[in-house]
Protein backbone atom coordinates (compact mmCIF):
# COMPACT_ATOMS: atom_id res chain seq x y z
CA UNK A 1 -49.72 106.54 -19.34
CA UNK A 2 -48.41 103.93 -16.89
CA UNK A 3 -46.17 101.07 -18.04
CA UNK A 4 -44.79 98.14 -16.03
CA UNK A 5 -42.01 95.68 -16.66
CA UNK A 6 -40.36 93.30 -14.19
CA UNK A 7 -36.73 93.09 -13.13
CA UNK A 8 -34.91 89.96 -12.10
CA UNK A 9 -34.84 89.00 -8.41
CA UNK A 10 -32.19 90.95 -6.55
CA UNK A 11 -30.24 90.56 -3.35
CA UNK A 12 -27.64 92.99 -2.09
CA UNK A 13 -26.37 95.33 0.54
CA UNK A 14 -26.94 99.05 0.98
CA UNK A 15 -24.81 101.33 3.10
CA UNK A 16 -26.71 104.44 4.09
CA UNK A 17 -28.85 105.52 7.00
CA UNK A 18 -29.30 101.81 7.74
CA UNK A 19 -25.90 100.12 7.77
CA UNK A 20 -25.24 96.96 5.81
CA UNK A 21 -28.81 95.62 5.68
CA UNK A 22 -29.37 92.77 3.23
CA UNK A 23 -31.89 93.40 0.48
CA UNK A 24 -34.63 90.81 0.67
CA UNK A 25 -35.08 88.60 -2.35
CA UNK A 26 -37.94 89.80 -4.49
CA UNK A 27 -40.14 87.79 -6.83
CA UNK A 28 -40.12 90.81 -9.14
CA UNK A 29 -39.37 94.52 -8.97
CA UNK A 30 -41.54 96.48 -11.38
CA UNK A 31 -40.47 99.61 -13.20
CA UNK A 32 -43.36 102.04 -13.41
CA UNK A 33 -43.29 104.99 -15.79
CA UNK A 34 -45.63 107.95 -16.10
CA UNK A 35 -45.66 111.65 -16.97
CA UNK A 36 -46.69 114.37 -14.52
CA UNK A 37 -49.08 117.14 -15.46
CA UNK A 38 -46.07 119.52 -15.59
CA UNK A 39 -44.38 117.36 -18.25
CA UNK A 40 -41.77 115.67 -16.05
CA UNK A 41 -41.27 111.97 -16.81
CA UNK A 42 -41.07 109.69 -13.79
CA UNK A 43 -39.50 106.22 -13.52
CA UNK A 44 -40.03 104.22 -10.32
CA UNK A 45 -38.77 101.00 -8.76
CA UNK A 46 -40.52 100.26 -5.48
CA UNK A 47 -38.66 98.05 -3.01
CA UNK A 48 -39.52 97.75 0.67
CA UNK A 49 -36.27 96.00 1.59
CA UNK A 50 -34.94 99.12 3.31
CA UNK A 51 -36.69 102.22 4.69
CA UNK A 52 -34.88 104.51 2.22
CA UNK A 53 -35.90 106.68 -0.72
CA UNK A 54 -33.44 107.63 -3.47
CA UNK A 55 -34.28 110.18 -6.16
CA UNK A 56 -32.36 111.56 -9.16
CA UNK A 57 -33.62 114.37 -11.38
CA UNK A 58 -31.81 114.92 -14.69
CA UNK A 59 -32.01 117.90 -17.05
CA UNK A 60 -30.47 118.46 -20.49
CA UNK A 61 -28.30 121.19 -19.01
CA UNK A 62 -24.79 119.69 -18.99
CA UNK A 63 -21.58 121.03 -20.46
CA UNK A 64 -22.68 120.39 -24.03
CA UNK A 65 -24.98 123.41 -23.57
CA UNK A 66 -22.16 125.71 -22.39
CA UNK A 67 -21.17 128.65 -24.60
CA UNK A 68 -17.64 128.09 -25.93
CA UNK A 69 -16.27 131.16 -24.15
CA UNK A 70 -17.84 130.10 -20.83
CA UNK A 71 -16.91 126.44 -20.68
CA UNK A 72 -17.61 125.16 -17.19
CA UNK A 73 -20.84 127.13 -16.72
CA UNK A 74 -22.95 124.00 -16.13
CA UNK A 75 -20.52 122.60 -13.58
CA UNK A 76 -20.14 125.78 -11.54
CA UNK A 77 -23.87 126.46 -11.67
CA UNK A 78 -24.55 123.06 -10.15
CA UNK A 79 -21.88 123.64 -7.53
CA UNK A 80 -23.28 127.04 -6.57
CA UNK A 81 -26.80 125.65 -6.15
CA UNK A 82 -25.51 124.01 -2.98
CA UNK A 83 -24.10 127.26 -1.57
CA UNK A 84 -27.35 128.68 -0.23
CA UNK A 85 -31.06 129.29 -0.79
CA UNK A 86 -33.12 132.46 -0.92
CA UNK A 87 -35.49 133.79 1.72
CA UNK A 88 -39.09 133.44 0.52
CA UNK A 89 -42.05 134.67 2.54
CA UNK A 90 -41.58 133.67 6.15
CA UNK A 91 -38.89 131.14 5.23
CA UNK A 92 -35.42 132.47 6.04
CA UNK A 93 -32.44 132.37 3.72
CA UNK A 94 -29.97 129.59 4.42
CA UNK A 95 -26.28 129.96 3.67
CA UNK A 96 -23.99 127.03 2.92
CA UNK A 97 -23.32 126.27 6.58
CA UNK A 98 -26.95 126.48 7.63
CA UNK A 99 -27.93 124.30 4.69
CA UNK A 100 -25.36 121.67 5.65
CA UNK A 101 -26.65 121.65 9.22
CA UNK A 102 -30.24 121.31 8.02
CA UNK A 103 -29.37 118.24 5.94
CA UNK A 104 -27.38 116.75 8.82
CA UNK A 105 -30.34 117.21 11.17
CA UNK A 106 -32.52 115.26 8.75
CA UNK A 107 -29.95 112.52 8.25
CA UNK A 108 -30.44 113.03 4.52
CA UNK A 109 -28.18 113.80 1.56
CA UNK A 110 -28.67 116.19 -1.36
CA UNK A 111 -26.29 116.76 -4.26
CA UNK A 112 -26.21 118.86 -7.43
CA UNK A 113 -23.75 118.07 -10.22
CA UNK A 114 -23.25 118.45 -13.95
CA UNK A 115 -21.47 116.34 -16.55
CA UNK A 116 -21.07 116.65 -20.28
CA UNK A 117 -24.72 115.88 -21.02
CA UNK A 118 -26.87 116.47 -17.95
CA UNK A 119 -27.32 118.47 -14.79
CA UNK A 120 -28.47 116.22 -11.96
CA UNK A 121 -30.00 116.59 -8.52
CA UNK A 122 -30.04 113.66 -6.13
CA UNK A 123 -31.81 113.13 -2.83
CA UNK A 124 -31.49 110.31 -0.30
CA UNK A 125 -33.65 110.14 2.81
CA UNK A 126 -35.17 107.70 5.24
CA UNK A 127 -38.74 106.94 4.20
CA UNK A 128 -40.20 107.82 7.60
CA UNK A 129 -42.79 110.49 6.67
CA UNK A 130 -41.72 112.99 9.33
CA UNK A 131 -38.18 113.02 7.90
CA UNK A 132 -38.94 112.42 4.23
CA UNK A 133 -41.45 115.25 3.96
CA UNK A 134 -38.94 117.71 5.41
CA UNK A 135 -36.14 116.42 3.18
CA UNK A 136 -38.31 116.77 0.07
CA UNK A 137 -39.34 120.29 1.09
CA UNK A 138 -35.72 121.33 1.64
CA UNK A 139 -34.62 119.75 -1.65
CA UNK A 140 -37.41 121.60 -3.44
CA UNK A 141 -36.07 124.89 -2.07
CA UNK A 142 -32.54 124.09 -3.26
CA UNK A 143 -33.73 123.07 -6.71
CA UNK A 144 -36.13 125.96 -7.15
CA UNK A 145 -34.73 128.86 -5.11
CA UNK A 146 -30.92 128.84 -5.12
CA UNK A 147 -29.34 132.07 -3.92
CA UNK A 148 -26.18 132.12 -6.08
CA UNK A 149 -24.41 134.40 -3.57
CA UNK A 150 -21.94 136.76 -5.28
CA UNK A 151 -19.33 136.75 -2.50
CA UNK A 152 -19.29 132.96 -2.41
CA UNK A 153 -18.85 132.78 -6.20
CA UNK A 154 -15.84 135.11 -6.07
CA UNK A 155 -14.26 132.81 -3.51
CA UNK A 156 -15.19 129.69 -5.48
CA UNK A 157 -13.79 131.10 -8.69
CA UNK A 158 -10.43 131.66 -7.02
CA UNK A 159 -10.47 128.15 -5.57
CA UNK A 160 -11.37 126.52 -8.90
CA UNK A 161 -8.77 128.60 -10.72
CA UNK A 162 -6.08 127.50 -8.27
CA UNK A 163 -7.15 123.88 -8.75
CA UNK A 164 -6.88 124.26 -12.53
CA UNK A 165 -3.39 125.74 -12.25
CA UNK A 166 -2.27 122.92 -10.00
CA UNK A 167 -3.84 120.25 -12.22
CA UNK A 168 -2.12 121.69 -15.30
CA UNK A 169 1.25 120.77 -13.79
CA UNK A 170 0.40 117.04 -13.98
CA UNK A 171 1.24 114.91 -17.02
CA UNK A 172 -2.08 113.05 -16.85
CA UNK A 173 -3.99 116.33 -17.14
CA UNK A 174 -1.82 117.50 -20.04
CA UNK A 175 -2.36 114.21 -21.87
CA UNK A 176 -6.11 114.22 -21.26
CA UNK A 177 -6.58 117.76 -22.52
CA UNK A 178 -4.48 117.17 -25.63
CA UNK A 179 -6.35 113.94 -26.36
CA UNK A 180 -9.78 115.53 -25.89
CA UNK A 181 -8.95 118.48 -28.13
CA UNK A 182 -7.62 116.18 -30.89
CA UNK A 183 -10.55 113.74 -30.82
CA UNK A 184 -13.43 116.17 -30.33
CA UNK A 185 -12.19 119.26 -32.14
CA UNK A 186 -14.72 122.07 -31.73
CA UNK A 187 -17.41 119.84 -30.25
CA UNK A 188 -18.47 120.76 -26.67
CA UNK A 189 -17.22 117.38 -25.41
CA UNK A 190 -13.68 118.62 -26.03
CA UNK A 191 -13.95 121.93 -24.20
CA UNK A 192 -12.12 122.49 -20.96
CA UNK A 193 -12.81 124.90 -18.13
CA UNK A 194 -9.96 127.41 -17.95
CA UNK A 195 -9.19 130.48 -15.90
CA UNK A 196 -10.24 132.55 -18.91
CA UNK A 197 -13.65 130.89 -19.23
CA UNK A 198 -14.17 131.14 -15.45
CA UNK A 199 -13.50 134.89 -15.61
CA UNK A 200 -16.43 135.26 -18.02
CA UNK A 201 -18.90 133.44 -15.75
CA UNK A 202 -20.91 135.50 -13.28
CA UNK A 203 -23.91 134.79 -11.07
CA UNK A 204 -26.22 136.39 -13.65
CA UNK A 205 -25.17 133.70 -16.14
CA UNK A 206 -25.86 131.01 -13.54
CA UNK A 207 -29.32 132.38 -12.82
CA UNK A 208 -30.11 132.51 -16.53
CA UNK A 209 -28.85 128.94 -16.99
CA UNK A 210 -30.98 127.72 -14.10
CA UNK A 211 -34.11 129.55 -15.26
CA UNK A 212 -33.77 128.33 -18.85
CA UNK A 213 -33.05 124.65 -18.31
CA UNK A 214 -34.22 123.63 -14.83
CA UNK A 215 -37.93 123.39 -15.57
CA UNK A 216 -40.21 120.41 -14.94
CA UNK A 217 -41.11 119.72 -18.58
CA UNK A 218 -37.42 119.01 -19.27
CA UNK A 219 -36.93 116.68 -16.30
CA UNK A 220 -36.50 112.93 -16.05
CA UNK A 221 -37.07 111.70 -12.50
CA UNK A 222 -35.73 108.33 -11.35
CA UNK A 223 -36.93 107.00 -7.99
CA UNK A 224 -36.01 103.86 -6.04
CA UNK A 225 -37.06 102.77 -2.58
CA UNK A 226 -39.78 102.32 0.01
CA UNK A 227 -42.66 104.22 -1.58
CA UNK A 228 -45.81 103.50 -3.50
CA UNK A 229 -46.70 104.90 -6.90
CA UNK A 230 -48.96 107.48 -5.21
CA UNK A 231 -46.22 108.51 -2.77
CA UNK A 232 -43.66 108.79 -5.59
CA UNK A 233 -46.05 110.94 -7.59
CA UNK A 234 -46.51 113.28 -4.62
CA UNK A 235 -42.76 113.44 -3.96
CA UNK A 236 -41.96 114.23 -7.60
CA UNK A 237 -44.55 117.00 -7.73
CA UNK A 238 -43.31 118.44 -4.43
CA UNK A 239 -39.71 118.54 -5.66
CA UNK A 240 -40.77 120.85 -8.52
CA UNK A 241 -43.07 123.01 -6.38
CA UNK A 242 -40.59 125.88 -5.89
CA UNK A 243 -39.73 126.32 -9.56
CA UNK A 244 -41.33 129.28 -11.30
CA UNK A 245 -44.07 128.41 -13.82
CA UNK A 246 -42.66 127.76 -17.28
CA UNK A 247 -42.80 130.78 -19.56
CA UNK A 248 -44.46 130.51 -22.99
CA UNK A 249 -42.18 128.53 -25.29
CA UNK A 250 -39.99 127.34 -22.40
CA UNK A 251 -40.78 123.70 -23.20
CA UNK A 252 -40.05 123.98 -26.92
CA UNK A 253 -37.32 121.72 -28.26
CA UNK A 254 -33.82 122.89 -27.37
CA UNK A 255 -31.41 123.78 -30.20
CA UNK A 256 -29.67 120.66 -31.51
CA UNK A 257 -26.03 120.09 -30.64
CA UNK A 258 -23.84 119.01 -33.55
CA UNK A 259 -22.49 115.48 -33.63
CA UNK A 260 -18.81 114.74 -33.09
CA UNK A 261 -16.98 114.77 -36.41
CA UNK A 262 -15.01 111.59 -37.18
CA UNK A 263 -11.25 111.91 -37.62
CA UNK A 264 -10.06 112.33 -41.18
CA UNK A 265 -6.48 111.26 -40.47
CA UNK A 266 -4.16 109.99 -37.74
CA UNK A 267 -2.72 112.55 -35.33
CA UNK A 268 0.39 112.04 -33.22
CA UNK A 269 1.45 114.39 -30.43
CA UNK A 270 4.64 114.03 -28.43
CA UNK A 271 4.65 116.49 -25.53
CA UNK A 272 7.91 116.95 -23.59
CA UNK A 273 7.59 116.55 -19.82
CA UNK A 274 10.09 115.60 -17.14
CA UNK A 275 8.49 112.65 -15.37
CA UNK A 276 9.35 109.11 -14.32
CA UNK A 277 6.54 107.72 -16.46
CA UNK A 278 5.29 108.63 -19.94
CA UNK A 279 1.50 108.98 -20.12
CA UNK A 280 -0.04 107.54 -23.28
CA UNK A 281 -3.54 107.83 -24.76
CA UNK A 282 -4.55 106.28 -28.08
CA UNK A 283 -8.06 106.57 -29.52
CA UNK A 284 -10.69 108.25 -31.63
CA UNK A 285 -14.41 108.99 -31.77
CA UNK A 286 -16.50 106.10 -30.44
CA UNK A 287 -20.29 105.86 -30.40
CA UNK A 288 -23.43 107.37 -28.84
CA UNK A 289 -25.13 105.40 -26.06
CA UNK A 290 -28.26 104.60 -28.07
CA UNK A 291 -26.26 102.90 -30.82
CA UNK A 292 -27.51 99.35 -31.52
CA UNK A 293 -23.90 98.12 -31.49
CA UNK A 294 -23.67 98.80 -27.75
CA UNK A 295 -23.78 95.17 -26.57
CA UNK A 296 -21.32 93.92 -29.19
CA UNK A 297 -18.94 96.74 -28.33
CA UNK A 298 -19.31 96.07 -24.60
CA UNK A 299 -18.39 92.41 -24.94
CA UNK A 300 -15.65 93.13 -27.47
CA UNK A 301 -14.04 95.81 -25.38
CA UNK A 302 -13.97 93.49 -22.37
CA UNK A 303 -11.85 91.14 -24.44
CA UNK A 304 -9.66 93.86 -25.94
CA UNK A 305 -8.79 95.90 -22.87
CA UNK A 306 -11.73 96.32 -20.49
CA UNK A 307 -11.36 93.00 -18.68
CA UNK A 308 -8.31 93.92 -16.64
CA UNK A 309 -5.72 91.16 -16.36
CA UNK A 310 -7.60 88.85 -18.75
CA UNK A 311 -7.60 91.28 -21.69
CA UNK A 312 -5.53 91.05 -24.86
CA UNK A 313 -3.83 94.38 -24.26
CA UNK A 314 -2.71 93.28 -20.81
CA UNK A 315 -1.43 89.98 -22.19
CA UNK A 316 0.61 91.61 -24.96
CA UNK A 317 1.75 94.86 -23.33
CA UNK A 318 2.24 93.79 -19.71
CA UNK A 319 2.58 90.02 -19.48
CA UNK A 320 4.65 89.26 -22.58
CA UNK A 321 6.77 92.43 -22.75
CA UNK A 322 6.60 94.17 -19.37
CA UNK A 323 5.99 97.54 -21.01
CA UNK A 324 3.39 98.79 -18.51
CA UNK A 325 1.99 97.76 -15.15
CA UNK A 326 -1.56 98.21 -16.40
CA UNK A 327 -3.20 99.01 -19.72
CA UNK A 328 -6.88 99.31 -20.55
CA UNK A 329 -9.33 100.32 -23.24
CA UNK A 330 -12.83 101.71 -23.08
CA UNK A 331 -15.66 103.58 -24.74
CA UNK A 332 -17.39 106.59 -23.13
CA UNK A 333 -20.72 106.84 -24.95
CA UNK A 334 -23.06 109.75 -24.24
CA UNK A 335 -25.80 111.59 -26.08
CA UNK A 336 -23.08 112.03 -28.71
CA UNK A 337 -20.19 109.79 -29.69
CA UNK A 338 -17.87 109.70 -26.72
CA UNK A 339 -14.25 108.72 -27.23
CA UNK A 340 -12.73 105.27 -27.45
CA UNK A 341 -9.34 105.23 -25.77
CA UNK A 342 -6.47 102.99 -24.81
CA UNK A 343 -4.49 104.31 -21.86
CA UNK A 344 -1.35 103.35 -19.97
CA UNK A 345 1.84 104.64 -18.38
CA UNK A 346 5.28 103.34 -19.25
CA UNK A 347 8.96 104.17 -18.91
CA UNK A 348 9.80 107.08 -21.23
CA UNK A 349 12.34 105.02 -23.13
CA UNK A 350 9.74 102.28 -23.73
CA UNK A 351 6.92 104.54 -24.92
CA UNK A 352 7.49 104.05 -28.65
CA UNK A 353 7.53 100.27 -28.33
CA UNK A 354 4.44 100.24 -26.09
CA UNK A 355 2.54 102.42 -28.56
CA UNK A 356 3.53 100.15 -31.44
CA UNK A 357 2.40 96.99 -29.65
CA UNK A 358 -0.89 98.55 -28.53
CA UNK A 359 -1.70 99.70 -32.06
CA UNK A 360 -0.92 96.25 -33.44
CA UNK A 361 -3.17 94.55 -30.88
CA UNK A 362 -6.00 96.93 -31.72
CA UNK A 363 -5.59 96.50 -35.48
CA UNK A 364 -5.62 92.71 -35.19
CA UNK A 365 -8.69 92.75 -33.01
CA UNK A 366 -10.62 95.05 -35.35
CA UNK A 367 -9.64 92.89 -38.33
CA UNK A 368 -10.14 89.43 -36.81
CA UNK A 369 -12.40 89.79 -33.77
CA UNK A 370 -12.21 87.50 -30.73
CA UNK A 371 -11.53 83.78 -30.50
CA UNK A 372 -14.29 81.43 -29.36
CA UNK A 373 -12.53 80.95 -26.01
CA UNK A 374 -12.20 84.71 -25.45
CA UNK A 375 -15.86 85.25 -26.28
CA UNK A 376 -17.07 82.57 -23.87
CA UNK A 377 -14.86 83.85 -21.04
CA UNK A 378 -16.03 87.43 -21.57
CA UNK A 379 -19.70 86.46 -21.52
CA UNK A 380 -19.22 84.34 -18.40
CA UNK A 381 -17.53 87.20 -16.58
CA UNK A 382 -19.98 89.88 -17.66
CA UNK A 383 -23.09 87.82 -16.95
CA UNK A 384 -21.65 86.50 -13.68
CA UNK A 385 -20.91 90.03 -12.51
CA UNK A 386 -24.25 91.50 -13.53
CA UNK A 387 -25.96 91.05 -10.12
CA UNK A 388 -23.22 93.19 -8.56
CA UNK A 389 -24.44 96.08 -10.72
CA UNK A 390 -27.84 95.92 -9.00
CA UNK A 391 -27.07 95.03 -5.38
CA UNK A 392 -27.97 98.32 -3.70
CA UNK A 393 -30.50 101.13 -3.94
CA UNK A 394 -27.84 103.47 -5.32
CA UNK A 395 -26.86 101.04 -8.07
CA UNK A 396 -30.51 100.44 -8.93
CA UNK A 397 -30.98 104.19 -9.15
CA UNK A 398 -27.97 104.54 -11.43
CA UNK A 399 -29.32 101.87 -13.76
CA UNK A 400 -32.81 103.34 -13.70
CA UNK A 401 -31.55 106.83 -14.52
CA UNK A 402 -29.51 105.34 -17.37
CA UNK A 403 -32.70 103.82 -18.79
CA UNK A 404 -34.59 107.09 -18.36
CA UNK A 405 -31.90 109.39 -19.70
CA UNK A 406 -31.10 107.34 -22.79
CA UNK A 407 -34.70 106.34 -23.56
CA UNK A 408 -33.79 102.67 -23.28
CA UNK A 409 -36.52 100.00 -23.24
CA UNK A 410 -38.11 99.51 -19.83
CA UNK A 411 -37.17 95.83 -19.99
CA UNK A 412 -33.50 96.73 -20.52
CA UNK A 413 -32.31 95.13 -17.27
CA UNK A 414 -34.51 92.06 -17.76
CA UNK A 415 -33.02 91.40 -21.18
CA UNK A 416 -29.43 92.47 -20.45
CA UNK A 417 -27.98 88.98 -19.92
CA UNK A 418 -29.81 87.60 -22.95
CA UNK A 419 -28.47 90.44 -25.09
CA UNK A 420 -24.93 89.80 -23.86
CA UNK A 421 -25.21 86.05 -24.46
CA UNK A 422 -26.57 86.64 -27.96
CA UNK A 423 -23.44 88.52 -29.09
CA UNK A 424 -21.40 86.53 -31.61
CA UNK A 425 -17.79 86.88 -32.73
CA UNK A 426 -19.00 88.16 -36.10
CA UNK A 427 -21.18 90.76 -34.33
CA UNK A 428 -18.11 92.05 -32.49
CA UNK A 429 -15.94 92.11 -35.58
CA UNK A 430 -18.59 93.98 -37.57
CA UNK A 431 -19.30 96.48 -34.76
CA UNK A 432 -15.62 97.28 -34.21
CA UNK A 433 -15.08 97.66 -37.95
CA UNK A 434 -17.95 100.15 -38.09
CA UNK A 435 -16.73 102.19 -35.13
CA UNK A 436 -12.92 102.10 -35.19
CA UNK A 437 -10.32 102.81 -37.84
CA UNK A 438 -6.88 101.86 -36.44
CA UNK A 439 -5.14 103.84 -39.17
CA UNK A 440 -6.85 107.06 -38.01
CA UNK A 441 -6.10 107.12 -34.30
CA UNK A 442 -5.05 110.03 -32.13
CA UNK A 443 -1.90 109.18 -30.17
CA UNK A 444 -0.78 111.46 -27.35
CA UNK A 445 2.43 110.75 -25.44
CA UNK A 446 3.45 113.05 -22.61
CA UNK A 447 6.99 112.58 -21.33
CA UNK A 448 8.51 110.16 -23.85
CA UNK A 449 12.22 110.10 -24.63
CA UNK A 450 13.08 111.07 -28.20
């Protein structure tokens, strides 16, 4: 099935193989959507403004699928995919150095990464067929035939372990880990990669992870650039050509992951640490990305603490009292309810006062919502800045993959400004009341004076 919707005219700049070339104004940029015979779902925006093709392939293989005793498996698996590919037939093996040289020769980029929800592969290449075909073929080998070299993993494990040890000496890391554990509890979103979990990860586990999750029927493919629907279809099929055929049952629904449990009571943690600044995080469970309150929460958070120097938190904490140089709030929605948090640094002797003021600002906002002037200013800023979210191929790709991954309507970008403008003060007040309970916040302070 093929579906089209039309995006607003765009103009922007893209830095890549072609430097700083202006995107030509378009009457309309259609999003096309179809499903390949192998089950992969493809989303395409064709734009001929630049001779570049950008592709992102996403799989439900992020950290939320990691076993508890091997937290970090998704991340290290993605990292090791870039460390070499196997020899197949008359094609030689390529180690990390040879692979890097091959990409440099093509003037193309390939990346594998994993977050809490998804494992992603991205490809950027010039659209010239002689280069693009080779880049797609090389990307297909990396996606489908990674080597997972044992000696390289032993080295990488030592490097990652050293990085963890060093990071654990920083107050920001200590605060973040304590906050995540308190908000998420046993949910995978709260798990951290440790030296102990790294020790339990071997290349056999990576190969099993790759074989189980990186299969076409589980893929969402987002594509932006100088290509037709037929070319995009051929590219998408070619990118999956080196994956082994799916075994019986491989495309069955994956086991569900539990939702994040809401907090039953407030939790306060004061963690001693000798530092010039106390690090403070205040928050609780937020919302999942598909929640219908998303637009009301987006506008409301801009007013509360997401709008930088024009936010209420900045006005009360920084401008009126000088308790912090900067303070912000934000939601991190995912497939599950990501955290809402307020964060700032302050002098250790001012931490208690800064926490009190921040909590009061939040409680008043949840109870009363925004003023008419705040709401108008927030809408003007958000709508005025919207074109900057779409002014390059990379940003278009990020927005397209967001639509694909979260099963958002294909007219999401067309209707975005209307949805923002439709938000009322009562919508914000009701949405915040549904999502946040100021009396049940987690508060973590690292480095405060008693």
